[in-house]
Amino acid sequence: MYPWLWFWAPQIHFPLSGSVWQDYKPNTTWFSDLIKPEAGNARIEERAFSVASYGTQLGLITKVLLELAEHGEKQSAKELQSSKSLKDLRQLQADIDSIKKDEYESAAARLVAEVDAVRERGGTEYEELAKRLLPLLSGKGA
């Protein structure tokens, strides 16, 4: 082929012969991205979802509600308390409450560590932070 006719040269790609591109770093934060910031704490939601999916949570609530509706007043309180669905639901609630407690405690620990770091640096930055935080901590607002 003549070098001055290179732009007329056809480019033929047979199967499995073209350039190959693959993303080796998949996005694994899809669940957290779906939780809107105003919906709650995304870390708590993600950990609660790992304990029981939303479908499992709703399924347990539905089972307890249906048992209550079917048996109504015929079923005594003791019989309802011994129901497997209600026990599972209470256990799930305890697990999620434990997750919430852990997250709130770790958030408080992070906050204390950050305030300590600002205090150690000292200067006007710490004084300004103290002026802003003291009214909040005393309950008087900002």
N, C-alpha and C. Protein backbone atom coordinates (compact mmCIF):
# COMPACT_ATOMS: atom_id res chain seq x y z
N MET A 1 0.84 -1.17 0.00
CA MET A 1 0.00 0.00 0.00
C MET A 1 0.88 1.24 0.00
N TYR A 2 0.43 2.25 -0.66
CA TYR A 2 1.19 3.49 -0.77
C TYR A 2 0.99 4.34 0.48
N PRO A 3 2.02 4.92 1.03
CA PRO A 3 1.90 5.67 2.28
C PRO A 3 0.99 6.89 2.16
N TRP A 4 0.86 7.51 0.99
CA TRP A 4 0.01 8.70 0.86
C TRP A 4 -1.47 8.33 0.78
N LEU A 5 -1.81 7.05 0.74
CA LEU A 5 -3.21 6.63 0.71
C LEU A 5 -3.63 5.95 2.03
N TRP A 6 -2.92 6.21 3.12
CA TRP A 6 -3.18 5.55 4.40
C TRP A 6 -4.59 5.82 4.92
N PHE A 7 -5.16 6.98 4.63
CA PHE A 7 -6.49 7.30 5.18
C PHE A 7 -7.60 6.51 4.49
N TRP A 8 -7.31 5.83 3.38
CA TRP A 8 -8.31 4.97 2.73
C TRP A 8 -8.17 3.51 3.17
N ALA A 9 -7.19 3.24 4.00
CA ALA A 9 -6.96 1.86 4.42
C ALA A 9 -8.09 1.43 5.37
N PRO A 10 -8.73 0.32 5.06
CA PRO A 10 -9.82 -0.13 5.93
C PRO A 10 -9.29 -0.68 7.24
N GLN A 11 -10.10 -0.50 8.30
CA GLN A 11 -9.77 -1.08 9.61
C GLN A 11 -10.80 -2.16 9.89
N ILE A 12 -10.36 -3.37 9.88
CA ILE A 12 -11.26 -4.50 10.08
C ILE A 12 -10.94 -5.13 11.44
N HIS A 13 -11.98 -5.29 12.26
CA HIS A 13 -11.82 -5.92 13.57
C HIS A 13 -12.64 -7.20 13.58
N PHE A 14 -11.93 -8.29 13.62
CA PHE A 14 -12.59 -9.58 13.74
C PHE A 14 -12.98 -9.79 15.20
N PRO A 15 -13.86 -10.73 15.47
CA PRO A 15 -14.24 -10.97 16.87
C PRO A 15 -13.02 -11.24 17.73
N LEU A 16 -13.04 -10.66 18.92
CA LEU A 16 -11.96 -10.77 19.91
C LEU A 16 -10.64 -10.20 19.42
N SER A 17 -10.66 -9.25 18.48
CA SER A 17 -9.40 -8.72 17.98
C SER A 17 -9.27 -7.21 18.16
N GLY A 18 -10.29 -6.54 18.70
CA GLY A 18 -10.22 -5.09 18.86
C GLY A 18 -9.60 -4.71 20.19
N SER A 19 -9.63 -3.42 20.46
CA SER A 19 -9.11 -2.97 21.74
C SER A 19 -10.06 -3.43 22.85
N VAL A 20 -9.49 -3.77 23.97
CA VAL A 20 -10.28 -4.31 25.08
C VAL A 20 -10.12 -3.38 26.27
N TRP A 21 -11.26 -3.03 26.90
CA TRP A 21 -11.25 -2.18 28.07
C TRP A 21 -12.19 -2.77 29.09
N GLN A 22 -11.73 -2.85 30.33
CA GLN A 22 -12.57 -3.38 31.38
C GLN A 22 -12.31 -2.59 32.65
N ASP A 23 -13.38 -2.31 33.38
CA ASP A 23 -13.27 -1.60 34.64
C ASP A 23 -13.00 -2.62 35.74
N TYR A 24 -11.81 -2.57 36.32
CA TYR A 24 -11.45 -3.54 37.35
C TYR A 24 -11.80 -3.06 38.74
N LYS A 25 -12.32 -1.86 38.86
CA LYS A 25 -12.70 -1.32 40.16
C LYS A 25 -14.20 -1.05 40.15
N PRO A 26 -15.01 -2.05 40.45
CA PRO A 26 -16.45 -1.84 40.39
C PRO A 26 -16.93 -0.94 41.52
N ASN A 27 -18.05 -0.28 41.30
CA ASN A 27 -18.66 0.58 42.30
C ASN A 27 -19.43 -0.31 43.28
N THR A 28 -18.95 -0.37 44.51
CA THR A 28 -19.61 -1.22 45.51
C THR A 28 -20.40 -0.39 46.51
N THR A 29 -20.53 0.91 46.27
CA THR A 29 -21.26 1.77 47.21
C THR A 29 -22.67 2.05 46.72
N TRP A 30 -23.20 1.21 45.85
CA TRP A 30 -24.52 1.47 45.29
C TRP A 30 -25.59 1.51 46.36
N PHE A 31 -25.47 0.71 47.40
CA PHE A 31 -26.51 0.70 48.42
C PHE A 31 -26.51 2.02 49.18
N SER A 32 -25.34 2.48 49.61
CA SER A 32 -25.25 3.73 50.36
C SER A 32 -25.68 4.92 49.52
N ASP A 33 -25.43 4.87 48.23
CA ASP A 33 -25.80 5.98 47.37
C ASP A 33 -27.32 6.08 47.21
N LEU A 34 -28.03 4.99 47.42
CA LEU A 34 -29.48 5.02 47.28
C LEU A 34 -30.18 5.60 48.49
N ILE A 35 -29.51 5.67 49.62
CA ILE A 35 -30.11 6.21 50.83
C ILE A 35 -29.93 7.72 50.81
N LYS A 36 -31.03 8.42 50.80
CA LYS A 36 -30.97 9.88 50.78
C LYS A 36 -30.50 10.39 52.14
N PRO A 37 -29.73 11.48 52.16
CA PRO A 37 -29.22 11.99 53.43
C PRO A 37 -30.32 12.31 54.45
N GLU A 38 -31.46 12.78 53.99
CA GLU A 38 -32.53 13.12 54.93
C GLU A 38 -33.28 11.89 55.43
N ALA A 39 -32.99 10.72 54.88
CA ALA A 39 -33.68 9.49 55.28
C ALA A 39 -33.14 8.93 56.59
N GLY A 40 -31.97 9.31 56.99
CA GLY A 40 -31.39 8.79 58.22
C GLY A 40 -29.89 8.61 58.07
N ASN A 41 -29.33 7.87 58.96
CA ASN A 41 -27.89 7.63 58.96
C ASN A 41 -27.58 6.47 58.01
N ALA A 42 -26.86 6.74 56.95
CA ALA A 42 -26.57 5.73 55.93
C ALA A 42 -25.76 4.57 56.50
N ARG A 43 -24.85 4.84 57.44
CA ARG A 43 -24.05 3.76 58.03
C ARG A 43 -24.94 2.81 58.83
N ILE A 44 -25.89 3.37 59.57
CA ILE A 44 -26.81 2.53 60.35
C ILE A 44 -27.69 1.73 59.41
N GLU A 45 -28.20 2.38 58.37
CA GLU A 45 -29.07 1.69 57.42
C GLU A 45 -28.34 0.53 56.75
N GLU A 46 -27.09 0.75 56.39
CA GLU A 46 -26.33 -0.30 55.71
C GLU A 46 -26.05 -1.47 56.65
N ARG A 47 -25.70 -1.17 57.90
CA ARG A 47 -25.46 -2.25 58.86
C ARG A 47 -26.74 -2.99 59.21
N ALA A 48 -27.86 -2.26 59.34
CA ALA A 48 -29.15 -2.91 59.62
C ALA A 48 -29.55 -3.80 58.46
N PHE A 49 -29.27 -3.35 57.25
CA PHE A 49 -29.59 -4.14 56.06
C PHE A 49 -28.78 -5.43 56.03
N SER A 50 -27.56 -5.39 56.57
CA SER A 50 -26.75 -6.61 56.61
C SER A 50 -27.31 -7.61 57.63
N VAL A 51 -28.01 -7.12 58.66
CA VAL A 51 -28.64 -8.01 59.63
C VAL A 51 -29.89 -8.64 59.03
N ALA A 52 -30.74 -7.82 58.44
CA ALA A 52 -31.97 -8.31 57.81
C ALA A 52 -32.37 -7.32 56.73
N SER A 53 -32.63 -7.82 55.54
CA SER A 53 -33.03 -6.95 54.44
C SER A 53 -34.38 -6.31 54.74
N TYR A 54 -34.73 -5.30 53.98
CA TYR A 54 -36.01 -4.63 54.19
C TYR A 54 -37.17 -5.61 53.99
N GLY A 55 -37.01 -6.52 53.05
CA GLY A 55 -38.05 -7.52 52.81
C GLY A 55 -38.24 -8.43 54.02
N THR A 56 -37.13 -8.83 54.64
CA THR A 56 -37.20 -9.67 55.84
C THR A 56 -37.87 -8.91 56.98
N GLN A 57 -37.50 -7.66 57.15
CA GLN A 57 -38.09 -6.84 58.21
C GLN A 57 -39.59 -6.69 58.00
N LEU A 58 -39.99 -6.36 56.78
CA LEU A 58 -41.42 -6.20 56.49
C LEU A 58 -42.15 -7.53 56.60
N GLY A 59 -41.49 -8.62 56.22
CA GLY A 59 -42.11 -9.93 56.32
C GLY A 59 -42.44 -10.29 57.76
N LEU A 60 -41.51 -10.02 58.68
CA LEU A 60 -41.77 -10.30 60.09
C LEU A 60 -42.90 -9.44 60.63
N ILE A 61 -42.90 -8.17 60.28
CA ILE A 61 -43.98 -7.28 60.73
C ILE A 61 -45.32 -7.77 60.19
N THR A 62 -45.34 -8.18 58.94
CA THR A 62 -46.58 -8.67 58.33
C THR A 62 -47.07 -9.93 59.01
N LYS A 63 -46.16 -10.87 59.31
CA LYS A 63 -46.56 -12.10 59.98
C LYS A 63 -47.18 -11.82 61.34
N VAL A 64 -46.55 -10.95 62.12
CA VAL A 64 -47.08 -10.61 63.45
C VAL A 64 -48.44 -9.94 63.32
N LEU A 65 -48.56 -9.03 62.37
CA LEU A 65 -49.83 -8.33 62.18
C LEU A 65 -50.93 -9.29 61.73
N LEU A 66 -50.61 -10.20 60.83
CA LEU A 66 -51.61 -11.18 60.38
C LEU A 66 -52.02 -12.13 61.50
N GLU A 67 -51.06 -12.57 62.31
CA GLU A 67 -51.40 -13.42 63.45
C GLU A 67 -52.34 -12.70 64.41
N LEU A 68 -52.05 -11.44 64.64
CA LEU A 68 -52.90 -10.65 65.53
C LEU A 68 -54.28 -10.45 64.93
N ALA A 69 -54.34 -10.20 63.63
CA ALA A 69 -55.63 -9.98 62.97
C ALA A 69 -56.45 -11.27 62.89
N GLU A 70 -55.80 -12.40 62.62
CA GLU A 70 -56.51 -13.67 62.50
C GLU A 70 -57.07 -14.15 63.82
N HIS A 71 -56.26 -14.04 64.85
CA HIS A 71 -56.68 -14.59 66.13
C HIS A 71 -57.39 -13.55 66.99
N GLY A 72 -57.05 -12.30 66.79
CA GLY A 72 -57.72 -11.21 67.50
C GLY A 72 -57.80 -11.45 68.99
N GLU A 73 -59.02 -11.37 69.50
CA GLU A 73 -59.23 -11.54 70.94
C GLU A 73 -59.23 -13.01 71.34
N LYS A 74 -59.34 -13.91 70.37
CA LYS A 74 -59.33 -15.33 70.69
C LYS A 74 -57.98 -15.76 71.27
N GLN A 75 -56.94 -15.12 70.82
CA GLN A 75 -55.60 -15.49 71.26
C GLN A 75 -55.22 -14.66 72.49
N SER A 76 -54.76 -15.33 73.50
CA SER A 76 -54.37 -14.62 74.71
C SER A 76 -53.04 -13.90 74.49
N ALA A 77 -52.75 -12.99 75.38
CA ALA A 77 -51.50 -12.23 75.28
C ALA A 77 -50.29 -13.16 75.40
N LYS A 78 -50.41 -14.21 76.25
CA LYS A 78 -49.29 -15.15 76.40
C LYS A 78 -49.04 -15.91 75.12
N GLU A 79 -50.08 -16.32 74.44
CA GLU A 79 -49.92 -17.06 73.19
C GLU A 79 -49.28 -16.17 72.13
N LEU A 80 -49.69 -14.92 72.10
CA LEU A 80 -49.12 -13.99 71.12
C LEU A 80 -47.64 -13.74 71.43
N GLN A 81 -47.31 -13.62 72.73
CA GLN A 81 -45.92 -13.38 73.12
C GLN A 81 -45.02 -14.56 72.74
N SER A 82 -45.58 -15.77 72.73
CA SER A 82 -44.78 -16.95 72.42
C SER A 82 -44.68 -17.23 70.93
N SER A 83 -45.29 -16.41 70.12
CA SER A 83 -45.26 -16.60 68.67
C SER A 83 -43.83 -16.45 68.16
N LYS A 84 -43.42 -17.33 67.25
CA LYS A 84 -42.06 -17.31 66.69
C LYS A 84 -41.81 -16.01 65.93
N SER A 85 -42.80 -15.54 65.18
CA SER A 85 -42.63 -14.32 64.40
C SER A 85 -42.37 -13.13 65.31
N LEU A 86 -43.10 -13.06 66.42
CA LEU A 86 -42.91 -11.95 67.34
C LEU A 86 -41.54 -12.04 68.01
N LYS A 87 -41.11 -13.25 68.36
CA LYS A 87 -39.77 -13.42 68.94
C LYS A 87 -38.69 -12.99 67.95
N ASP A 88 -38.85 -13.38 66.69
CA ASP A 88 -37.88 -12.99 65.67
C ASP A 88 -37.85 -11.48 65.48
N LEU A 89 -39.04 -10.88 65.50
CA LEU A 89 -39.14 -9.43 65.33
C LEU A 89 -38.48 -8.70 66.50
N ARG A 90 -38.70 -9.19 67.70
CA ARG A 90 -38.07 -8.57 68.88
C ARG A 90 -36.55 -8.72 68.83
N GLN A 91 -36.07 -9.87 68.38
CA GLN A 91 -34.62 -10.09 68.26
C GLN A 91 -34.03 -9.15 67.21
N LEU A 92 -34.74 -9.00 66.11
CA LEU A 92 -34.29 -8.09 65.06
C LEU A 92 -34.23 -6.66 65.57
N GLN A 93 -35.24 -6.26 66.34
CA GLN A 93 -35.25 -4.92 66.92
C GLN A 93 -34.08 -4.74 67.87
N ALA A 94 -33.78 -5.75 68.68
CA ALA A 94 -32.65 -5.66 69.60
C ALA A 94 -31.33 -5.55 68.84
N ASP A 95 -31.19 -6.31 67.75
CA ASP A 95 -29.97 -6.24 66.95
C ASP A 95 -29.78 -4.86 66.34
N ILE A 96 -30.85 -4.31 65.80
CA ILE A 96 -30.76 -2.99 65.17
C ILE A 96 -30.54 -1.90 66.21
N ASP A 97 -31.16 -2.03 67.39
CA ASP A 97 -30.91 -1.06 68.46
C ASP A 97 -29.45 -1.10 68.89
N SER A 98 -28.86 -2.30 68.91
CA SER A 98 -27.45 -2.44 69.24
C SER A 98 -26.57 -1.75 68.19
N ILE A 99 -26.93 -1.90 66.93
CA ILE A 99 -26.20 -1.24 65.84
C ILE A 99 -26.28 0.27 66.01
N LYS A 100 -27.47 0.78 66.31
CA LYS A 100 -27.64 2.23 66.50
C LYS A 100 -26.79 2.73 67.66
N LYS A 101 -26.81 2.00 68.77
CA LYS A 101 -26.03 2.40 69.94
C LYS A 101 -24.55 2.44 69.60
N ASP A 102 -24.05 1.42 68.91
CA ASP A 102 -22.64 1.38 68.51
C ASP A 102 -22.27 2.56 67.62
N GLU A 103 -23.12 2.84 66.65
CA GLU A 103 -22.83 3.94 65.71
C GLU A 103 -22.84 5.29 66.43
N TYR A 104 -23.80 5.51 67.32
CA TYR A 104 -23.86 6.79 68.04
C TYR A 104 -22.68 6.94 68.99
N GLU A 105 -22.27 5.84 69.63
CA GLU A 105 -21.11 5.91 70.52
C GLU A 105 -19.84 6.19 69.73
N SER A 106 -19.69 5.55 68.57
CA SER A 106 -18.48 5.80 67.78
C SER A 106 -18.49 7.21 67.19
N ALA A 107 -19.67 7.73 66.85
CA ALA A 107 -19.75 9.11 66.36
C ALA A 107 -19.36 10.09 67.47
N ALA A 108 -19.81 9.83 68.69
CA ALA A 108 -19.45 10.70 69.82
C ALA A 108 -17.94 10.62 70.08
N ALA A 109 -17.37 9.42 69.99
CA ALA A 109 -15.93 9.26 70.21
C ALA A 109 -15.13 10.00 69.13
N ARG A 110 -15.61 9.93 67.88
CA ARG A 110 -14.92 10.67 66.80
C ARG A 110 -15.00 12.18 67.04
N LEU A 111 -16.15 12.64 67.49
CA LEU A 111 -16.33 14.08 67.75
C LEU A 111 -15.40 14.54 68.87
N VAL A 112 -15.33 13.76 69.94
CA VAL A 112 -14.45 14.11 71.05
C VAL A 112 -12.99 14.13 70.58
N ALA A 113 -12.60 13.15 69.78
CA ALA A 113 -11.22 13.09 69.28
C ALA A 113 -10.92 14.31 68.40
N GLU A 114 -11.86 14.72 67.59
CA GLU A 114 -11.64 15.88 66.72
C GLU A 114 -11.54 17.17 67.53
N VAL A 115 -12.39 17.30 68.55
CA VAL A 115 -12.33 18.50 69.40
C VAL A 115 -11.02 18.50 70.18
N ASP A 116 -10.58 17.34 70.66
CA ASP A 116 -9.28 17.25 71.34
C ASP A 116 -8.13 17.65 70.43
N ALA A 117 -8.21 17.25 69.17
CA ALA A 117 -7.16 17.61 68.21
C ALA A 117 -7.12 19.12 67.99
N VAL A 118 -8.29 19.75 67.91
CA VAL A 118 -8.33 21.21 67.75
C VAL A 118 -7.80 21.88 69.01
N ARG A 119 -8.15 21.33 70.18
CA ARG A 119 -7.67 21.91 71.44
C ARG A 119 -6.16 21.82 71.54
N GLU A 120 -5.59 20.69 71.11
CA GLU A 120 -4.13 20.53 71.17
C GLU A 120 -3.42 21.52 70.26
N ARG A 121 -4.03 21.81 69.11
CA ARG A 121 -3.44 22.81 68.21
C ARG A 121 -3.54 24.20 68.84
N GLY A 122 -4.61 24.40 69.61
CA GLY A 122 -4.78 25.67 70.33
C GLY A 122 -5.06 26.83 69.41
N GLY A 123 -4.83 28.01 69.94
CA GLY A 123 -5.01 29.22 69.15
C GLY A 123 -6.46 29.69 69.08
N THR A 124 -6.68 30.60 68.18
CA THR A 124 -8.01 31.21 68.05
C THR A 124 -9.03 30.22 67.48
N GLU A 125 -8.55 29.23 66.74
CA GLU A 125 -9.46 28.23 66.18
C GLU A 125 -10.20 27.48 67.30
N TYR A 126 -9.45 27.13 68.36
CA TYR A 126 -10.08 26.42 69.48
C TYR A 126 -11.02 27.35 70.25
N GLU A 127 -10.62 28.57 70.44
CA GLU A 127 -11.47 29.52 71.16
C GLU A 127 -12.78 29.75 70.42
N GLU A 128 -12.70 29.87 69.09
CA GLU A 128 -13.90 30.06 68.27
C GLU A 128 -14.81 28.83 68.35
N LEU A 129 -14.19 27.65 68.30
CA LEU A 129 -14.96 26.41 68.40
C LEU A 129 -15.64 26.31 69.75
N ALA A 130 -14.95 26.67 70.81
CA ALA A 130 -15.53 26.63 72.16
C ALA A 130 -16.72 27.58 72.26
N LYS A 131 -16.61 28.77 71.67
CA LYS A 131 -17.72 29.72 71.69
C LYS A 131 -18.94 29.17 70.97
N ARG A 132 -18.71 28.41 69.90
CA ARG A 132 -19.83 27.85 69.14
C ARG A 132 -20.42 26.61 69.78
N LEU A 133 -19.58 25.79 70.44
CA LEU A 133 -20.06 24.53 71.00
C LEU A 133 -20.69 24.67 72.39
N LEU A 134 -20.18 25.56 73.23
CA LEU A 134 -20.70 25.67 74.59
C LEU A 134 -22.20 25.96 74.63
N PRO A 135 -22.72 26.90 73.83
CA PRO A 135 -24.18 27.10 73.85
C PRO A 135 -24.95 25.87 73.39
N LEU A 136 -24.40 25.14 72.43
CA LEU A 136 -25.08 23.92 71.96
C LEU A 136 -25.12 22.86 73.06
N LEU A 137 -24.00 22.72 73.78
CA LEU A 137 -23.92 21.72 74.82
C LEU A 137 -24.75 22.08 76.06
N SER A 138 -24.94 23.37 76.28
CA SER A 138 -25.75 23.78 77.43
C SER A 138 -27.23 23.74 77.11
N GLY A 139 -27.57 23.51 75.85
CA GLY A 139 -28.98 23.40 75.47
C GLY A 139 -29.62 24.72 75.11
N LYS A 140 -28.84 25.78 75.04
CA LYS A 140 -29.39 27.10 74.72
C LYS A 140 -29.41 27.39 73.23
N GLY A 141 -28.80 26.51 72.44
CA GLY A 141 -28.78 26.73 70.98
C GLY A 141 -27.68 27.68 70.59
N ALA A 142 -27.59 27.92 69.29
CA ALA A 142 -26.50 28.79 68.79
C ALA A 142 -26.96 30.21 68.66
